[in-house]
Amino acid sequence: MDIKVNKNIRSAGHAARAGAVAALTALTLLVASPTASALYRDDGDDPGTGLSVAETLGLYVVTPLVLFLVIAGLVIVADRSSRKSGQVGGRQEPNRG
């Protein structure tokens, strides 16, 4: 019983140390990149107009889904055309007759 408690305490210490390292790394990256927060403008900045909700959904939701479906469709078509009749999943189906 005592050994299990020591292992749990040790793993909790490792988890706490890993969390502290992750938090410190994130904080360091945020402090080191003030331009990413866009709190001030540089000379020559011209950000342009923002995207509407429809444009944002189209760009970040619909486009990846369409690309995924096209690629999946091409893989399925290529897999079916490369199989011989009677094969299932790349292996020969047993004769049942």
PDB file of N, CA and C in Angstrom:
ATOM      1  N   MET A   1       0.824  -1.184   0.000  1.00  0.00           N
ATOM      2  CA  MET A   1       0.000   0.000   0.000  1.00  0.00           C
ATOM      3  C   MET A   1       0.871   1.251   0.000  1.00  0.00           C
ATOM      4  N   ASP A   2       1.930   1.228   0.770  1.00  0.00           N
ATOM      5  CA  ASP A   2       2.812   2.379   0.871  1.00  0.00           C
ATOM      6  C   ASP A   2       3.507   2.662  -0.464  1.00  0.00           C
ATOM      7  N   ILE A   3       3.827   1.615  -1.210  1.00  0.00           N
ATOM      8  CA  ILE A   3       4.495   1.788  -2.495  1.00  0.00           C
ATOM      9  C   ILE A   3       3.557   2.473  -3.487  1.00  0.00           C
ATOM     10  N   LYS A   4       2.273   2.085  -3.509  1.00  0.00           N
ATOM     11  CA  LYS A   4       1.312   2.712  -4.414  1.00  0.00           C
ATOM     12  C   LYS A   4       1.137   4.189  -4.101  1.00  0.00           C
ATOM     13  N   VAL A   5       1.100   4.548  -2.844  1.00  0.00           N
ATOM     14  CA  VAL A   5       0.952   5.950  -2.456  1.00  0.00           C
ATOM     15  C   VAL A   5       2.148   6.746  -2.934  1.00  0.00           C
ATOM     16  N   ASN A   6       3.343   6.212  -2.761  1.00  0.00           N
ATOM     17  CA  ASN A   6       4.545   6.915  -3.205  1.00  0.00           C
ATOM     18  C   ASN A   6       4.549   7.083  -4.725  1.00  0.00           C
ATOM     19  N   LYS A   7       4.089   6.064  -5.472  1.00  0.00           N
ATOM     20  CA  LYS A   7       4.040   6.179  -6.930  1.00  0.00           C
ATOM     21  C   LYS A   7       3.039   7.253  -7.349  1.00  0.00           C
ATOM     22  N   ASN A   8       1.888   7.311  -6.670  1.00  0.00           N
ATOM     23  CA  ASN A   8       0.894   8.324  -7.005  1.00  0.00           C
ATOM     24  C   ASN A   8       1.406   9.730  -6.708  1.00  0.00           C
ATOM     25  N   ILE A   9       2.084   9.877  -5.606  1.00  0.00           N
ATOM     26  CA  ILE A   9       2.648  11.184  -5.259  1.00  0.00           C
ATOM     27  C   ILE A   9       3.709  11.575  -6.266  1.00  0.00           C
ATOM     28  N   ARG A  10       4.535  10.607  -6.661  1.00  0.00           N
ATOM     29  CA  ARG A  10       5.594  10.875  -7.628  1.00  0.00           C
ATOM     30  C   ARG A  10       4.988  11.275  -8.975  1.00  0.00           C
ATOM     31  N   SER A  11       3.948  10.551  -9.442  1.00  0.00           N
ATOM     32  CA  SER A  11       3.342  10.886 -10.729  1.00  0.00           C
ATOM     33  C   SER A  11       2.608  12.220 -10.651  1.00  0.00           C
ATOM     34  N   ALA A  12       2.047  12.560  -9.492  1.00  0.00           N
ATOM     35  CA  ALA A  12       1.409  13.864  -9.333  1.00  0.00           C
ATOM     36  C   ALA A  12       2.452  14.971  -9.417  1.00  0.00           C
ATOM     37  N   GLY A  13       3.623  14.713  -8.883  1.00  0.00           N
ATOM     38  CA  GLY A  13       4.705  15.696  -8.987  1.00  0.00           C
ATOM     39  C   GLY A  13       5.145  15.890 -10.422  1.00  0.00           C
ATOM     40  N   HIS A  14       5.217  14.785 -11.182  1.00  0.00           N
ATOM     41  CA  HIS A  14       5.583  14.888 -12.598  1.00  0.00           C
ATOM     42  C   HIS A  14       4.521  15.669 -13.363  1.00  0.00           C
ATOM     43  N   ALA A  15       3.267  15.410 -13.078  1.00  0.00           N
ATOM     44  CA  ALA A  15       2.183  16.117 -13.760  1.00  0.00           C
ATOM     45  C   ALA A  15       2.211  17.606 -13.422  1.00  0.00           C
ATOM     46  N   ALA A  16       2.456  17.943 -12.179  1.00  0.00           N
ATOM     47  CA  ALA A  16       2.523  19.346 -11.782  1.00  0.00           C
ATOM     48  C   ALA A  16       3.698  20.041 -12.462  1.00  0.00           C
ATOM     49  N   ARG A  17       4.823  19.351 -12.537  1.00  0.00           N
ATOM     50  CA  ARG A  17       5.993  19.925 -13.199  1.00  0.00           C
ATOM     51  C   ARG A  17       5.722  20.121 -14.690  1.00  0.00           C
ATOM     52  N   ALA A  18       5.081  19.152 -15.332  1.00  0.00           N
ATOM     53  CA  ALA A  18       4.758  19.277 -16.754  1.00  0.00           C
ATOM     54  C   ALA A  18       3.780  20.420 -16.992  1.00  0.00           C
ATOM     55  N   GLY A  19       2.799  20.574 -16.117  1.00  0.00           N
ATOM     56  CA  GLY A  19       1.858  21.682 -16.239  1.00  0.00           C
ATOM     57  C   GLY A  19       2.530  23.028 -16.067  1.00  0.00           C
ATOM     58  N   ALA A  20       3.459  23.108 -15.127  1.00  0.00           N
ATOM     59  CA  ALA A  20       4.178  24.358 -14.903  1.00  0.00           C
ATOM     60  C   ALA A  20       5.043  24.708 -16.117  1.00  0.00           C
ATOM     61  N   VAL A  21       5.696  23.714 -16.687  1.00  0.00           N
ATOM     62  CA  VAL A  21       6.529  23.961 -17.873  1.00  0.00           C
ATOM     63  C   VAL A  21       5.658  24.420 -19.041  1.00  0.00           C
ATOM     64  N   ALA A  22       4.501  23.785 -19.234  1.00  0.00           N
ATOM     65  CA  ALA A  22       3.604  24.178 -20.318  1.00  0.00           C
ATOM     66  C   ALA A  22       3.094  25.598 -20.120  1.00  0.00           C
ATOM     67  N   ALA A  23       2.704  25.938 -18.900  1.00  0.00           N
ATOM     68  CA  ALA A  23       2.205  27.286 -18.622  1.00  0.00           C
ATOM     69  C   ALA A  23       3.298  28.332 -18.815  1.00  0.00           C
ATOM     70  N   LEU A  24       4.498  28.038 -18.352  1.00  0.00           N
ATOM     71  CA  LEU A  24       5.616  28.970 -18.500  1.00  0.00           C
ATOM     72  C   LEU A  24       5.971  29.153 -19.974  1.00  0.00           C
ATOM     73  N   THR A  25       5.933  28.071 -20.729  1.00  0.00           N
ATOM     74  CA  THR A  25       6.232  28.169 -22.159  1.00  0.00           C
ATOM     75  C   THR A  25       5.189  29.026 -22.867  1.00  0.00           C
ATOM     76  N   ALA A  26       3.907  28.806 -22.566  1.00  0.00           N
ATOM     77  CA  ALA A  26       2.847  29.600 -23.183  1.00  0.00           C
ATOM     78  C   ALA A  26       2.976  31.075 -22.808  1.00  0.00           C
ATOM     79  N   LEU A  27       3.267  31.352 -21.561  1.00  0.00           N
ATOM     80  CA  LEU A  27       3.430  32.731 -21.114  1.00  0.00           C
ATOM     81  C   LEU A  27       4.608  33.391 -21.809  1.00  0.00           C
ATOM     82  N   THR A  28       5.707  32.669 -21.943  1.00  0.00           N
ATOM     83  CA  THR A  28       6.889  33.207 -22.606  1.00  0.00           C
ATOM     84  C   THR A  28       6.584  33.527 -24.066  1.00  0.00           C
ATOM     85  N   LEU A  29       5.864  32.640 -24.736  1.00  0.00           N
ATOM     86  CA  LEU A  29       5.521  32.888 -26.129  1.00  0.00           C
ATOM     87  C   LEU A  29       4.593  34.087 -26.277  1.00  0.00           C
ATOM     88  N   LEU A  30       3.650  34.241 -25.364  1.00  0.00           N
ATOM     89  CA  LEU A  30       2.744  35.387 -25.427  1.00  0.00           C
ATOM     90  C   LEU A  30       3.472  36.704 -25.176  1.00  0.00           C
ATOM     91  N   VAL A  31       4.412  36.703 -24.250  1.00  0.00           N
ATOM     92  CA  VAL A  31       5.152  37.919 -23.934  1.00  0.00           C
ATOM     93  C   VAL A  31       6.124  38.255 -25.059  1.00  0.00           C
ATOM     94  N   ALA A  32       6.698  37.233 -25.686  1.00  0.00           N
ATOM     95  CA  ALA A  32       7.709  37.451 -26.716  1.00  0.00           C
ATOM     96  C   ALA A  32       7.111  37.894 -28.043  1.00  0.00           C
ATOM     97  N   SER A  33       5.813  37.778 -28.229  1.00  0.00           N
ATOM     98  CA  SER A  33       5.211  38.151 -29.513  1.00  0.00           C
ATOM     99  C   SER A  33       4.129  39.202 -29.320  1.00  0.00           C
ATOM    100  N   PRO A  34       4.509  40.428 -29.010  1.00  0.00           N
ATOM    101  CA  PRO A  34       3.493  41.454 -28.781  1.00  0.00           C
ATOM    102  C   PRO A  34       2.761  41.858 -30.056  1.00  0.00           C
ATOM    103  N   THR A  35       3.374  41.663 -31.222  1.00  0.00           N
ATOM    104  CA  THR A  35       2.698  42.061 -32.453  1.00  0.00           C
ATOM    105  C   THR A  35       1.544  41.130 -32.778  1.00  0.00           C
ATOM    106  N   ALA A  36       1.574  39.919 -32.268  1.00  0.00           N
ATOM    107  CA  ALA A  36       0.483  38.992 -32.528  1.00  0.00           C
ATOM    108  C   ALA A  36      -0.791  39.428 -31.828  1.00  0.00           C
ATOM    109  N   SER A  37      -0.679  40.150 -30.735  1.00  0.00           N
ATOM    110  CA  SER A  37      -1.866  40.604 -30.026  1.00  0.00           C
ATOM    111  C   SER A  37      -2.495  41.832 -30.680  1.00  0.00           C
ATOM    112  N   ALA A  38      -1.789  42.491 -31.590  1.00  0.00           N
ATOM    113  CA  ALA A  38      -2.274  43.636 -32.365  1.00  0.00           C
ATOM    114  C   ALA A  38      -2.825  44.738 -31.461  1.00  0.00           C
ATOM    115  N   LEU A  39      -2.096  45.081 -30.436  1.00  0.00           N
ATOM    116  CA  LEU A  39      -2.530  46.164 -29.553  1.00  0.00           C
ATOM    117  C   LEU A  39      -2.216  47.525 -30.142  1.00  0.00           C
ATOM    118  N   TYR A  40      -1.265  47.581 -31.051  1.00  0.00           N
ATOM    119  CA  TYR A  40      -0.912  48.844 -31.681  1.00  0.00           C
ATOM    120  C   TYR A  40      -0.663  48.591 -33.165  1.00  0.00           C
ATOM    121  N   ARG A  41      -0.798  49.638 -33.947  1.00  0.00           N
ATOM    122  CA  ARG A  41      -0.616  49.532 -35.391  1.00  0.00           C
ATOM    123  C   ARG A  41       0.781  49.987 -35.777  1.00  0.00           C
ATOM    124  N   ASP A  42       1.342  49.294 -36.749  1.00  0.00           N
ATOM    125  CA  ASP A  42       2.609  49.718 -37.327  1.00  0.00           C
ATOM    126  C   ASP A  42       2.329  50.633 -38.509  1.00  0.00           C
ATOM    127  N   ASP A  43       3.334  51.395 -38.908  1.00  0.00           N
ATOM    128  CA  ASP A  43       3.185  52.243 -40.085  1.00  0.00           C
ATOM    129  C   ASP A  43       2.960  51.367 -41.308  1.00  0.00           C
ATOM    130  N   GLY A  44       1.973  51.719 -42.110  1.00  0.00           N
ATOM    131  CA  GLY A  44       1.706  50.973 -43.329  1.00  0.00           C
ATOM    132  C   GLY A  44       0.719  49.845 -43.160  1.00  0.00           C
ATOM    133  N   ASP A  45       0.229  49.632 -41.958  1.00  0.00           N
ATOM    134  CA  ASP A  45      -0.774  48.577 -41.774  1.00  0.00           C
ATOM    135  C   ASP A  45      -2.074  48.975 -42.460  1.00  0.00           C
ATOM    136  N   ASP A  46      -2.618  48.048 -43.207  1.00  0.00           N
ATOM    137  CA  ASP A  46      -3.916  48.252 -43.832  1.00  0.00           C
ATOM    138  C   ASP A  46      -4.659  46.936 -43.734  1.00  0.00           C
ATOM    139  N   PRO A  47      -5.322  46.684 -42.604  1.00  0.00           N
ATOM    140  CA  PRO A  47      -5.900  45.370 -42.371  1.00  0.00           C
ATOM    141  C   PRO A  47      -7.045  44.994 -43.304  1.00  0.00           C
ATOM    142  N   GLY A  48      -7.704  45.940 -43.914  1.00  0.00           N
ATOM    143  CA  GLY A  48      -8.808  45.621 -44.813  1.00  0.00           C
ATOM    144  C   GLY A  48     -10.078  45.303 -44.041  1.00  0.00           C
ATOM    145  N   THR A  49     -11.087  44.866 -44.790  1.00  0.00           N
ATOM    146  CA  THR A  49     -12.367  44.564 -44.157  1.00  0.00           C
ATOM    147  C   THR A  49     -12.353  43.152 -43.588  1.00  0.00           C
ATOM    148  N   GLY A  50     -13.170  42.928 -42.605  1.00  0.00           N
ATOM    149  CA  GLY A  50     -13.266  41.610 -41.992  1.00  0.00           C
ATOM    150  C   GLY A  50     -14.145  40.684 -42.815  1.00  0.00           C
ATOM    151  N   LEU A  51     -14.138  39.411 -42.425  1.00  0.00           N
ATOM    152  CA  LEU A  51     -14.972  38.422 -43.095  1.00  0.00           C
ATOM    153  C   LEU A  51     -16.353  38.379 -42.445  1.00  0.00           C
ATOM    154  N   SER A  52     -17.364  38.139 -43.267  1.00  0.00           N
ATOM    155  CA  SER A  52     -18.702  37.962 -42.713  1.00  0.00           C
ATOM    156  C   SER A  52     -18.802  36.556 -42.118  1.00  0.00           C
ATOM    157  N   VAL A  53     -19.904  36.282 -41.447  1.00  0.00           N
ATOM    158  CA  VAL A  53     -20.102  34.961 -40.843  1.00  0.00           C
ATOM    159  C   VAL A  53     -20.151  33.892 -41.926  1.00  0.00           C
ATOM    160  N   ALA A  54     -20.841  34.170 -43.019  1.00  0.00           N
ATOM    161  CA  ALA A  54     -20.950  33.196 -44.116  1.00  0.00           C
ATOM    162  C   ALA A  54     -19.583  32.935 -44.745  1.00  0.00           C
ATOM    163  N   GLU A  55     -18.803  33.977 -44.946  1.00  0.00           N
ATOM    164  CA  GLU A  55     -17.464  33.799 -45.522  1.00  0.00           C
ATOM    165  C   GLU A  55     -16.566  32.998 -44.585  1.00  0.00           C
ATOM    166  N   THR A  56     -16.660  33.268 -43.303  1.00  0.00           N
ATOM    167  CA  THR A  56     -15.851  32.547 -42.324  1.00  0.00           C
ATOM    168  C   THR A  56     -16.228  31.071 -42.290  1.00  0.00           C
ATOM    169  N   LEU A  57     -17.523  30.781 -42.245  1.00  0.00           N
ATOM    170  CA  LEU A  57     -17.965  29.376 -42.243  1.00  0.00           C
ATOM    171  C   LEU A  57     -17.578  28.676 -43.537  1.00  0.00           C
ATOM    172  N   GLY A  58     -17.707  29.371 -44.649  1.00  0.00           N
ATOM    173  CA  GLY A  58     -17.326  28.779 -45.926  1.00  0.00           C
ATOM    174  C   GLY A  58     -15.843  28.463 -45.987  1.00  0.00           C
ATOM    175  N   LEU A  59     -15.028  29.361 -45.473  1.00  0.00           N
ATOM    176  CA  LEU A  59     -13.583  29.190 -45.541  1.00  0.00           C
ATOM    177  C   LEU A  59     -13.072  28.143 -44.565  1.00  0.00           C
ATOM    178  N   TYR A  60     -13.589  28.127 -43.357  1.00  0.00           N
ATOM    179  CA  TYR A  60     -13.030  27.268 -42.316  1.00  0.00           C
ATOM    180  C   TYR A  60     -13.846  26.014 -42.011  1.00  0.00           C
ATOM    181  N   VAL A  61     -15.060  25.891 -42.549  1.00  0.00           N
ATOM    182  CA  VAL A  61     -15.874  24.706 -42.296  1.00  0.00           C
ATOM    183  C   VAL A  61     -16.209  23.979 -43.592  1.00  0.00           C
ATOM    184  N   VAL A  62     -16.832  24.686 -44.531  1.00  0.00           N
ATOM    185  CA  VAL A  62     -17.308  24.041 -45.753  1.00  0.00           C
ATOM    186  C   VAL A  62     -16.155  23.592 -46.638  1.00  0.00           C
ATOM    187  N   THR A  63     -15.172  24.453 -46.858  1.00  0.00           N
ATOM    188  CA  THR A  63     -14.047  24.095 -47.732  1.00  0.00           C
ATOM    189  C   THR A  63     -13.295  22.862 -47.242  1.00  0.00           C
ATOM    190  N   PRO A  64     -12.907  22.747 -45.956  1.00  0.00           N
ATOM    191  CA  PRO A  64     -12.242  21.519 -45.515  1.00  0.00           C
ATOM    192  C   PRO A  64     -13.120  20.279 -45.645  1.00  0.00           C
ATOM    193  N   LEU A  65     -14.424  20.415 -45.376  1.00  0.00           N
ATOM    194  CA  LEU A  65     -15.318  19.266 -45.522  1.00  0.00           C
ATOM    195  C   LEU A  65     -15.408  18.810 -46.975  1.00  0.00           C
ATOM    196  N   VAL A  66     -15.508  19.747 -47.902  1.00  0.00           N
ATOM    197  CA  VAL A  66     -15.566  19.399 -49.324  1.00  0.00           C
ATOM    198  C   VAL A  66     -14.262  18.732 -49.752  1.00  0.00           C
ATOM    199  N   LEU A  67     -13.130  19.273 -49.337  1.00  0.00           N
ATOM    200  CA  LEU A  67     -11.843  18.658 -49.672  1.00  0.00           C
ATOM    201  C   LEU A  67     -11.744  17.243 -49.101  1.00  0.00           C
ATOM    202  N   PHE A  68     -12.205  17.058 -47.877  1.00  0.00           N
ATOM    203  CA  PHE A  68     -12.180  15.728 -47.270  1.00  0.00           C
ATOM    204  C   PHE A  68     -13.033  14.761 -48.069  1.00  0.00           C
ATOM    205  N   LEU A  69     -14.236  15.177 -48.438  1.00  0.00           N
ATOM    206  CA  LEU A  69     -15.137  14.300 -49.185  1.00  0.00           C
ATOM    207  C   LEU A  69     -14.588  13.966 -50.569  1.00  0.00           C
ATOM    208  N   VAL A  70     -13.963  14.927 -51.234  1.00  0.00           N
ATOM    209  CA  VAL A  70     -13.369  14.669 -52.548  1.00  0.00           C
ATOM    210  C   VAL A  70     -12.231  13.664 -52.428  1.00  0.00           C
ATOM    211  N   ILE A  71     -11.355  13.852 -51.461  1.00  0.00           N
ATOM    212  CA  ILE A  71     -10.228  12.935 -51.283  1.00  0.00           C
ATOM    213  C   ILE A  71     -10.735  11.546 -50.901  1.00  0.00           C
ATOM    214  N   ALA A  72     -11.698  11.463 -49.986  1.00  0.00           N
ATOM    215  CA  ALA A  72     -12.242  10.166 -49.593  1.00  0.00           C
ATOM    216  C   ALA A  72     -12.906   9.479 -50.784  1.00  0.00           C
ATOM    217  N   GLY A  73     -13.628  10.235 -51.598  1.00  0.00           N
ATOM    218  CA  GLY A  73     -14.254   9.662 -52.779  1.00  0.00           C
ATOM    219  C   GLY A  73     -13.234   9.123 -53.763  1.00  0.00           C
ATOM    220  N   LEU A  74     -12.156   9.866 -53.974  1.00  0.00           N
ATOM    221  CA  LEU A  74     -11.107   9.392 -54.874  1.00  0.00           C
ATOM    222  C   LEU A  74     -10.446   8.125 -54.351  1.00  0.00           C
ATOM    223  N   VAL A  75     -10.242   8.035 -53.056  1.00  0.00           N
ATOM    224  CA  VAL A  75      -9.643   6.835 -52.468  1.00  0.00           C
ATOM    225  C   VAL A  75     -10.582   5.646 -52.640  1.00  0.00           C
ATOM    226  N   ILE A  76     -11.868   5.840 -52.411  1.00  0.00           N
ATOM    227  CA  ILE A  76     -12.839   4.742 -52.543  1.00  0.00           C
ATOM    228  C   ILE A  76     -12.910   4.265 -53.989  1.00  0.00           C
ATOM    229  N   VAL A  77     -12.962   5.209 -54.936  1.00  0.00           N
ATOM    230  CA  VAL A  77     -13.029   4.833 -56.351  1.00  0.00           C
ATOM    231  C   VAL A  77     -11.765   4.086 -56.762  1.00  0.00           C
ATOM    232  N   ALA A  78     -10.605   4.567 -56.335  1.00  0.00           N
ATOM    233  CA  ALA A  78      -9.354   3.896 -56.686  1.00  0.00           C
ATOM    234  C   ALA A  78      -9.278   2.513 -56.055  1.00  0.00           C
ATOM    235  N   ASP A  79      -9.796   2.352 -54.844  1.00  0.00           N
ATOM    236  CA  ASP A  79      -9.763   1.055 -54.172  1.00  0.00           C
ATOM    237  C   ASP A  79     -10.690   0.058 -54.866  1.00  0.00           C
ATOM    238  N   ARG A  80     -11.859   0.496 -55.264  1.00  0.00           N
ATOM    239  CA  ARG A  80     -12.803  -0.398 -55.937  1.00  0.00           C
ATOM    240  C   ARG A  80     -12.296  -0.820 -57.309  1.00  0.00           C
ATOM    241  N   SER A  81     -11.639   0.107 -58.019  1.00  0.00           N
ATOM    242  CA  SER A  81     -11.178  -0.228 -59.362  1.00  0.00           C
ATOM    243  C   SER A  81      -9.970  -1.163 -59.325  1.00  0.00           C
ATOM    244  N   SER A  82      -9.219  -1.182 -58.212  1.00  0.00           N
ATOM    245  CA  SER A  82      -8.038  -2.036 -58.144  1.00  0.00           C
ATOM    246  C   SER A  82      -8.357  -3.449 -57.661  1.00  0.00           C
ATOM    247  N   ARG A  83      -9.564  -3.674 -57.120  1.00  0.00           N
ATOM    248  CA  ARG A  83      -9.954  -5.001 -56.643  1.00  0.00           C
ATOM    249  C   ARG A  83     -10.433  -5.883 -57.785  1.00  0.00           C
ATOM    250  N   LYS A  84     -10.218  -7.162 -57.624  1.00  0.00           N
ATOM    251  CA  LYS A  84     -10.808  -8.129 -58.541  1.00  0.00           C
ATOM    252  C   LYS A  84     -12.192  -8.479 -58.014  1.00  0.00           C
ATOM    253  N   SER A  85     -13.044  -9.029 -58.874  1.00  0.00           N
ATOM    254  CA  SER A  85     -14.372  -9.407 -58.405  1.00  0.00           C
ATOM    255  C   SER A  85     -14.249 -10.544 -57.410  1.00  0.00           C
ATOM    256  N   GLY A  86     -15.022 -10.508 -56.362  1.00  0.00           N
ATOM    257  CA  GLY A  86     -14.979 -11.531 -55.332  1.00  0.00           C
ATOM    258  C   GLY A  86     -14.079 -11.179 -54.172  1.00  0.00           C
ATOM    259  N   GLN A  87     -13.337 -10.080 -54.266  1.00  0.00           N
ATOM    260  CA  GLN A  87     -12.469  -9.688 -53.161  1.00  0.00           C
ATOM    261  C   GLN A  87     -13.209  -8.720 -52.250  1.00  0.00           C
ATOM    262  N   VAL A  88     -12.959  -8.885 -50.970  1.00  0.00           N
ATOM    263  CA  VAL A  88     -13.536  -7.987 -49.981  1.00  0.00           C
ATOM    264  C   VAL A  88     -12.403  -7.486 -49.115  1.00  0.00           C
ATOM    265  N   GLY A  89     -12.221  -6.176 -49.081  1.00  0.00           N
ATOM    266  CA  GLY A  89     -11.195  -5.589 -48.221  1.00  0.00           C
ATOM    267  C   GLY A  89      -9.787  -6.035 -48.571  1.00  0.00           C
ATOM    268  N   GLY A  90      -9.515  -6.298 -49.856  1.00  0.00           N
ATOM    269  CA  GLY A  90      -8.171  -6.648 -50.270  1.00  0.00           C
ATOM    270  C   GLY A  90      -7.834  -8.117 -50.121  1.00  0.00           C
ATOM    271  N   ARG A  91      -8.787  -8.954 -49.693  1.00  0.00           N
ATOM    272  CA  ARG A  91      -8.514 -10.380 -49.557  1.00  0.00           C
ATOM    273  C   ARG A  91      -9.582 -11.162 -50.321  1.00  0.00           C
ATOM    274  N   GLN A  92      -9.273 -12.361 -50.714  1.00  0.00           N
ATOM    275  CA  GLN A  92     -10.190 -13.175 -51.497  1.00  0.00           C
ATOM    276  C   GLN A  92     -11.319 -13.692 -50.616  1.00  0.00           C
ATOM    277  N   GLU A  93     -12.538 -13.516 -51.066  1.00  0.00           N
ATOM    278  CA  GLU A  93     -13.700 -14.020 -50.343  1.00  0.00           C
ATOM    279  C   GLU A  93     -13.782 -15.539 -50.509  1.00  0.00           C
ATOM    280  N   PRO A  94     -14.017 -16.281 -49.416  1.00  0.00           N
ATOM    281  CA  PRO A  94     -14.096 -17.744 -49.553  1.00  0.00           C
ATOM    282  C   PRO A  94     -15.283 -18.173 -50.413  1.00  0.00           C
ATOM    283  N   ASN A  95     -15.115 -19.265 -51.098  1.00  0.00           N
ATOM    284  CA  ASN A  95     -16.165 -19.796 -51.960  1.00  0.00           C
ATOM    285  C   ASN A  95     -17.237 -20.456 -51.086  1.00  0.00           C
ATOM    286  N   ARG A  96     -18.462 -20.038 -51.228  1.00  0.00           N
ATOM    287  CA  ARG A  96     -19.527 -20.535 -50.357  1.00  0.00           C
ATOM    288  C   ARG A  96     -20.535 -21.372 -51.137  1.00  0.00           C
ATOM    289  N   GLY A  97     -20.056 -22.037 -52.132  1.00  0.00           N
ATOM    290  CA  GLY A  97     -21.069 -22.637 -52.863  1.00  0.00           C
ATOM    291  C   GLY A  97     -20.929 -23.964 -53.384  1.00  0.00           C
TER     292      GLY A  97
END
